[in-house]
Amino acid sequence: MQGGSDMSMTQGSMSQGPMMQGLAPSPGAVATDFFALLKPRVMSLVVFTGFAGLALAPGHLHPVIAAVALLCIAIGAGASGAINMWFDADIDAIMNRTRQRPIPSGRVTAGEALAFGTVLAIGSVAMMGLFVNWAAAALLALTIGFYIFVYTMWLKRRTPQNIVIGGAAGAFPPMIGWAAVTGDIGLLPVLLFAIVFMWTPPHFWALALYRSGEYEKAGVPMLPVVAGDVATRRQIVIYSALLWPLTMAPTLLGLAGWVYGFGALVLGGLFMALAIRVWRVRAEKPAMQLFAYSILYLFLLFALLLVEHALGFGPAGSV
């Protein structure tokens, strides 16, 4: 698959990134505008997967410290979202899906968003290190830095592999949660990282199929724009086929029980069926169905691990 060099990028606004011209100072942003900068819907899934890593880890963490760890993960994720919105304000102003975000709509200035995100990023890492442990803090710092510098500033505007490589940022939270308890990393959180990492491309490419016209207009080299509709649908099937057995690995390796294993088998089968339908039916509806289901899928997958662990049906958390 070729990189972003094969794509004729929109000139001017795309090369300026955060230095978006013509944004008037905000007349007085309210708390809800700054909350929107945190991308709360994305944050909620990040916090949930981080909680899974924390709950499944061997050992004990005081409930207050555990709450602080989850708060730091949430703040760090929100900080990444705010700085992402600062850098991508020019893109957001073009796309219908994002033009009502706080910066392009003029409710928050780019400078305010950058300052807000920077303070939260530094604060979340410092709080994690001082109140939890520095191993979790280092992983949180790596996650924030990866999302901002590797995905947002480097990959997103240059290559259709942006989601594949950049997806690592969203896969770190289970490892952060685990490290908050143990101070290190085990095999189970690495598998959870791999599951989220492999889940990310079909999840976002399903959305990109539906929004390909907007990405093309904004000059973002998403896979449907660069490689085309057919290649994107093929890649969705391939990644879905790789994801399915990967989700079974915790059970096969003795790190989870068969309650989770059976659930992963069924949920993965439905995911695969929807991916095949995206390949066979060249319309927007199947892609949006897969996108919507993929969010529920990841939530249920991690919820199964938590329920199984809480009920003592499996050995999760032992390694």
Protein backbone atom coordinates (compact mmCIF):
# COMPACT_ATOMS: atom_id res chain seq x y z
CA MET A 1 0.00 0.00 0.00
CA GLN A 2 1.45 3.35 -0.96
CA GLY A 3 1.84 6.32 1.36
CA GLY A 4 0.42 9.81 1.17
CA SER A 5 2.93 10.85 -1.51
CA ASP A 6 0.60 9.34 -4.11
CA MET A 7 -2.14 11.72 -3.20
CA SER A 8 -2.54 15.26 -4.46
CA MET A 9 -2.95 17.07 -1.17
CA THR A 10 -5.02 20.20 -0.85
CA GLN A 11 -2.60 23.09 -0.70
CA GLY A 12 -2.69 26.05 1.65
CA SER A 13 -4.90 25.11 4.58
CA MET A 14 -3.59 21.56 4.78
CA SER A 15 0.02 22.67 5.10
CA GLN A 16 -0.74 25.13 7.86
CA GLY A 17 -2.19 22.74 10.41
CA PRO A 18 -2.72 24.63 13.65
CA MET A 19 -1.92 28.02 12.13
CA MET A 20 -5.43 28.32 10.79
CA GLN A 21 -6.17 31.78 9.53
CA GLY A 22 -9.26 33.86 10.22
CA LEU A 23 -10.24 32.44 13.61
CA ALA A 24 -11.58 35.30 15.69
CA PRO A 25 -11.01 35.24 19.45
CA SER A 26 -13.78 33.49 21.31
CA PRO A 27 -16.30 35.87 22.88
CA GLY A 28 -16.18 33.76 26.04
CA ALA A 29 -16.12 30.02 25.89
CA VAL A 30 -18.19 28.13 28.43
CA ALA A 31 -17.35 24.94 30.29
CA THR A 32 -19.25 22.76 27.81
CA ASP A 33 -17.05 24.04 24.97
CA PHE A 34 -13.88 22.99 26.77
CA PHE A 35 -15.49 19.68 27.68
CA ALA A 36 -16.21 19.11 23.97
CA LEU A 37 -12.49 19.58 23.28
CA LEU A 38 -11.85 16.45 25.32
CA LYS A 39 -13.73 14.25 22.81
CA PRO A 40 -15.82 12.68 25.59
CA ARG A 41 -17.24 9.84 23.48
CA VAL A 42 -13.75 8.67 22.55
CA MET A 43 -12.60 9.23 26.13
CA SER A 44 -15.32 6.97 27.54
CA LEU A 45 -14.09 3.92 25.60
CA VAL A 46 -10.47 4.71 26.49
CA VAL A 47 -11.34 4.91 30.19
CA PHE A 48 -13.30 1.65 30.01
CA THR A 49 -10.44 -0.30 28.45
CA GLY A 50 -8.06 1.28 30.95
CA PHE A 51 -10.37 0.19 33.76
CA ALA A 52 -10.34 -3.34 32.36
CA GLY A 53 -6.55 -3.46 32.53
CA LEU A 54 -6.63 -2.13 36.08
CA ALA A 55 -9.34 -4.55 37.27
CA LEU A 56 -7.75 -7.62 35.66
CA ALA A 57 -4.27 -6.96 37.01
CA PRO A 58 -3.02 -9.14 39.87
CA GLY A 59 -2.60 -7.39 43.18
CA HIS A 60 -4.57 -4.71 44.97
CA LEU A 61 -4.84 -0.97 44.53
CA HIS A 62 -6.59 1.26 47.04
CA PRO A 63 -9.93 2.41 45.57
CA VAL A 64 -8.93 6.07 45.85
CA ILE A 65 -5.63 5.46 44.04
CA ALA A 66 -7.47 3.40 41.42
CA ALA A 67 -9.89 6.29 40.89
CA VAL A 68 -6.95 8.68 40.51
CA ALA A 69 -5.37 6.36 37.93
CA LEU A 70 -8.57 6.26 35.88
CA LEU A 71 -8.95 10.03 36.19
CA CYS A 72 -5.42 10.48 34.87
CA ILE A 73 -6.18 8.20 31.91
CA ALA A 74 -9.34 10.21 31.20
CA ILE A 75 -7.56 13.56 31.48
CA GLY A 76 -4.67 12.34 29.34
CA ALA A 77 -7.06 11.13 26.65
CA GLY A 78 -8.94 14.42 26.78
CA ALA A 79 -5.71 16.40 26.55
CA SER A 80 -4.76 14.45 23.43
CA GLY A 81 -8.16 15.23 21.93
CA ALA A 82 -7.84 18.95 22.67
CA ILE A 83 -4.38 19.23 21.10
CA ASN A 84 -5.58 17.15 18.15
CA MET A 85 -8.43 19.64 17.63
CA TRP A 86 -5.94 22.51 17.82
CA PHE A 87 -3.71 21.01 15.15
CA ASP A 88 -6.57 19.83 12.93
CA ALA A 89 -8.71 22.97 13.14
CA ASP A 90 -8.25 23.61 9.41
CA ILE A 91 -9.43 20.10 8.53
CA ASP A 92 -12.30 20.24 11.01
CA ALA A 93 -13.58 23.46 9.44
CA ILE A 94 -13.96 21.71 6.06
CA MET A 95 -15.65 18.47 7.11
CA ASN A 96 -19.37 18.43 7.89
CA ARG A 97 -18.83 15.94 10.70
CA THR A 98 -16.44 18.25 12.56
CA ARG A 99 -17.17 21.81 11.53
CA GLN A 100 -19.26 22.43 14.66
CA ARG A 101 -16.39 21.54 16.97
CA PRO A 102 -15.38 24.35 19.37
CA ILE A 103 -12.46 25.78 17.36
CA PRO A 104 -13.85 25.92 13.79
CA SER A 105 -17.17 27.20 15.13
CA GLY A 106 -15.32 30.03 16.89
CA ARG A 107 -16.44 29.13 20.42
CA VAL A 108 -12.86 28.45 21.52
CA THR A 109 -9.69 29.90 20.01
CA ALA A 110 -6.86 27.69 18.80
CA GLY A 111 -4.58 29.16 21.46
CA GLU A 112 -7.04 28.40 24.22
CA ALA A 113 -7.37 24.80 23.05
CA LEU A 114 -3.59 24.32 22.88
CA ALA A 115 -3.03 25.78 26.34
CA PHE A 116 -5.89 23.75 27.79
CA GLY A 117 -4.63 20.51 26.26
CA THR A 118 -1.01 21.12 27.24
CA VAL A 119 -1.84 21.84 30.88
CA LEU A 120 -4.03 18.72 31.07
CA ALA A 121 -1.40 16.53 29.41
CA ILE A 122 1.38 17.59 31.76
CA GLY A 123 -0.93 17.51 34.77
CA SER A 124 -2.25 14.02 34.05
CA VAL A 125 1.23 12.51 33.70
CA ALA A 126 2.54 14.28 36.79
CA MET A 127 -0.49 13.20 38.85
CA MET A 128 -0.16 9.60 37.67
CA GLY A 129 3.50 9.53 38.63
CA LEU A 130 3.11 11.20 42.01
CA PHE A 131 -0.03 9.42 43.21
CA VAL A 132 0.11 6.04 41.40
CA ASN A 133 3.51 5.05 39.99
CA TRP A 134 5.96 6.25 37.38
CA ALA A 135 5.66 3.17 35.18
CA ALA A 136 1.99 3.99 34.53
CA ALA A 137 2.92 7.66 34.13
CA ALA A 138 5.55 6.81 31.50
CA LEU A 139 3.03 4.74 29.54
CA LEU A 140 0.49 7.57 29.77
CA ALA A 141 3.09 10.05 28.51
CA LEU A 142 3.96 7.68 25.66
CA THR A 143 0.28 7.38 24.74
CA ILE A 144 -0.29 11.14 24.69
CA GLY A 145 2.92 11.77 22.76
CA PHE A 146 2.17 9.02 20.24
CA TYR A 147 -1.32 10.36 19.53
CA ILE A 148 -0.17 13.96 19.18
CA PHE A 149 3.21 13.72 17.47
CA VAL A 150 3.07 10.42 15.60
CA TYR A 151 -0.59 10.18 14.57
CA THR A 152 -1.88 13.77 14.50
CA MET A 153 1.18 15.69 13.34
CA TRP A 154 3.03 13.09 11.27
CA LEU A 155 0.83 10.31 9.93
CA LYS A 156 -2.68 11.68 9.51
CA ARG A 157 -1.93 14.05 6.63
CA ARG A 158 0.77 11.95 4.97
CA THR A 159 -0.25 8.32 4.60
CA PRO A 160 -3.29 6.04 4.44
CA GLN A 161 -1.51 3.97 7.08
CA ASN A 162 -2.39 6.72 9.57
CA ILE A 163 -5.07 4.61 11.25
CA VAL A 164 -3.04 1.38 11.19
CA ILE A 165 0.02 2.81 12.92
CA GLY A 166 -1.72 5.59 14.81
CA GLY A 167 -4.16 3.10 16.28
CA ALA A 168 -1.50 2.16 18.82
CA ALA A 169 -2.35 5.30 20.79
CA GLY A 170 -5.85 4.04 21.51
CA ALA A 171 -4.56 0.57 22.39
CA PHE A 172 -2.32 1.60 25.31
CA PRO A 173 -4.95 2.20 28.06
CA PRO A 174 -5.27 -1.47 29.16
CA MET A 175 -1.50 -1.51 29.65
CA ILE A 176 -1.63 1.76 31.60
CA GLY A 177 -4.34 0.39 33.88
CA TRP A 178 -2.40 -2.83 34.46
CA ALA A 179 0.82 -0.92 35.19
CA ALA A 180 -1.03 1.28 37.68
CA VAL A 181 -1.56 -1.83 39.82
CA THR A 182 1.58 -3.86 39.16
CA GLY A 183 4.19 -1.31 38.12
CA ASP A 184 5.02 -3.43 35.07
CA ILE A 185 3.45 -5.14 32.04
CA GLY A 186 2.18 -8.72 31.70
CA LEU A 187 1.13 -10.88 28.79
CA LEU A 188 -2.60 -10.25 29.18
CA PRO A 189 -2.41 -6.45 28.79
CA VAL A 190 -0.15 -6.95 25.77
CA LEU A 191 -2.87 -9.13 24.21
CA LEU A 192 -5.50 -6.51 25.04
CA PHE A 193 -3.28 -3.90 23.38
CA ALA A 194 -3.05 -6.14 20.29
CA ILE A 195 -6.82 -6.64 20.18
CA VAL A 196 -7.55 -2.90 20.26
CA PHE A 197 -4.75 -2.26 17.77
CA MET A 198 -6.18 -4.79 15.30
CA TRP A 199 -9.75 -3.57 15.91
CA THR A 200 -8.95 0.04 15.08
CA PRO A 201 -8.47 -0.18 11.26
CA PRO A 202 -11.79 -1.88 10.37
CA HIS A 203 -13.56 0.35 12.89
CA PHE A 204 -12.29 3.60 11.35
CA TRP A 205 -12.22 2.44 7.74
CA ALA A 206 -15.92 1.62 8.00
CA LEU A 207 -16.50 5.26 8.95
CA ALA A 208 -14.07 6.45 6.27
CA LEU A 209 -16.07 4.62 3.57
CA TYR A 210 -19.13 6.60 4.63
CA ARG A 211 -17.20 9.88 4.91
CA SER A 212 -14.70 9.43 2.06
CA GLY A 213 -15.97 12.47 0.18
CA GLU A 214 -15.35 14.70 3.18
CA TYR A 215 -11.87 13.30 3.76
CA GLU A 216 -11.05 13.85 0.09
CA LYS A 217 -12.30 17.43 0.25
CA ALA A 218 -10.18 18.06 3.34
CA GLY A 219 -7.12 16.46 1.73
CA VAL A 220 -6.77 13.71 4.35
CA PRO A 221 -5.29 10.56 2.74
CA MET A 222 -7.62 8.03 4.31
CA LEU A 223 -7.52 4.61 2.68
CA PRO A 224 -10.76 4.99 0.64
CA VAL A 225 -9.44 8.26 -0.80
CA VAL A 226 -5.99 6.93 -1.74
CA ALA A 227 -6.56 3.23 -2.49
CA GLY A 228 -10.23 3.32 -3.43
CA ASP A 229 -13.46 1.80 -2.22
CA VAL A 230 -12.77 -1.80 -3.26
CA ALA A 231 -9.32 -1.97 -1.64
CA THR A 232 -10.68 -0.49 1.58
CA ARG A 233 -13.46 -3.06 1.81
CA ARG A 234 -10.93 -5.83 1.18
CA GLN A 235 -8.69 -4.52 3.96
CA ILE A 236 -11.65 -4.39 6.35
CA VAL A 237 -12.29 -8.10 5.73
CA ILE A 238 -8.60 -8.96 6.15
CA TYR A 239 -8.20 -7.11 9.44
CA SER A 240 -11.50 -8.49 10.74
CA ALA A 241 -10.32 -12.02 9.91
CA LEU A 242 -7.07 -11.40 11.82
CA LEU A 243 -8.91 -9.84 14.76
CA TRP A 244 -11.24 -12.79 15.33
CA PRO A 245 -8.65 -15.44 16.34
CA LEU A 246 -6.62 -12.80 18.18
CA THR A 247 -9.55 -12.19 20.54
CA MET A 248 -9.51 -15.92 21.37
CA ALA A 249 -5.85 -15.82 22.41
CA PRO A 250 -6.46 -14.94 26.10
CA THR A 251 -8.55 -18.11 26.48
CA LEU A 252 -6.25 -20.33 24.43
CA LEU A 253 -3.26 -19.16 26.48
CA GLY A 254 -5.02 -19.74 29.78
CA LEU A 255 -5.34 -16.06 30.68
CA ALA A 256 -9.14 -16.01 30.42
CA GLY A 257 -11.87 -18.60 30.78
CA TRP A 258 -14.36 -20.03 28.33
CA VAL A 259 -17.12 -17.60 29.29
CA TYR A 260 -15.01 -14.92 27.65
CA GLY A 261 -13.81 -17.33 24.96
CA PHE A 262 -17.30 -18.32 23.88
CA GLY A 263 -18.41 -14.68 23.89
CA ALA A 264 -15.40 -13.66 21.80
CA LEU A 265 -16.19 -16.43 19.35
CA VAL A 266 -19.80 -15.29 18.89
CA LEU A 267 -19.08 -11.56 18.88
CA GLY A 268 -16.20 -12.06 16.44
CA GLY A 269 -18.38 -14.13 14.16
CA LEU A 270 -20.91 -11.32 13.93
CA PHE A 271 -18.11 -8.82 13.33
CA MET A 272 -16.79 -11.02 10.52
CA ALA A 273 -20.26 -11.40 9.00
CA LEU A 274 -20.75 -7.62 8.95
CA ALA A 275 -17.28 -7.13 7.42
CA ILE A 276 -18.09 -9.63 4.66
CA ARG A 277 -21.36 -7.80 4.04
CA VAL A 278 -19.40 -4.56 3.68
CA TRP A 279 -17.32 -6.32 1.01
CA ARG A 280 -20.28 -7.83 -0.84
CA VAL A 281 -22.77 -4.94 -0.63
CA ARG A 282 -21.17 -1.80 -2.03
CA ALA A 283 -23.38 0.67 -0.19
CA GLU A 284 -23.03 3.03 2.76
CA LYS A 285 -25.48 1.27 5.11
CA PRO A 286 -23.40 -1.90 5.72
CA ALA A 287 -20.33 0.22 6.45
CA MET A 288 -22.21 2.30 9.02
CA GLN A 289 -23.66 -0.85 10.56
CA LEU A 290 -20.17 -2.26 10.99
CA PHE A 291 -18.92 1.03 12.44
CA ALA A 292 -21.75 1.16 14.99
CA TYR A 293 -21.38 -2.51 15.91
CA SER A 294 -17.61 -2.24 16.26
CA ILE A 295 -18.00 0.15 19.20
CA LEU A 296 -20.45 -2.16 20.95
CA TYR A 297 -18.24 -5.13 20.08
CA LEU A 298 -15.17 -3.76 21.85
CA PHE A 299 -17.21 -2.76 24.88
CA LEU A 300 -18.80 -6.21 25.17
CA LEU A 301 -15.49 -7.98 24.66
CA PHE A 302 -13.87 -6.18 27.57
CA ALA A 303 -17.05 -6.40 29.64
CA LEU A 304 -16.95 -10.19 29.28
CA LEU A 305 -13.43 -10.27 30.68
CA LEU A 306 -14.50 -8.12 33.63
CA VAL A 307 -17.64 -10.13 34.40
CA GLU A 308 -15.79 -13.42 34.13
CA HIS A 309 -13.03 -12.14 36.40
CA ALA A 310 -15.49 -10.75 38.96
CA LEU A 311 -17.41 -14.02 39.11
CA GLY A 312 -14.26 -16.11 39.30
CA PHE A 313 -14.98 -18.09 36.15
CA GLY A 314 -11.55 -17.62 34.60
CA PRO A 315 -7.88 -17.13 35.46
CA ALA A 316 -7.70 -13.58 33.99
CA GLY A 317 -5.19 -11.39 35.74
CA SER A 318 -2.81 -14.19 36.72
CA VAL A 319 -0.10 -13.27 34.26
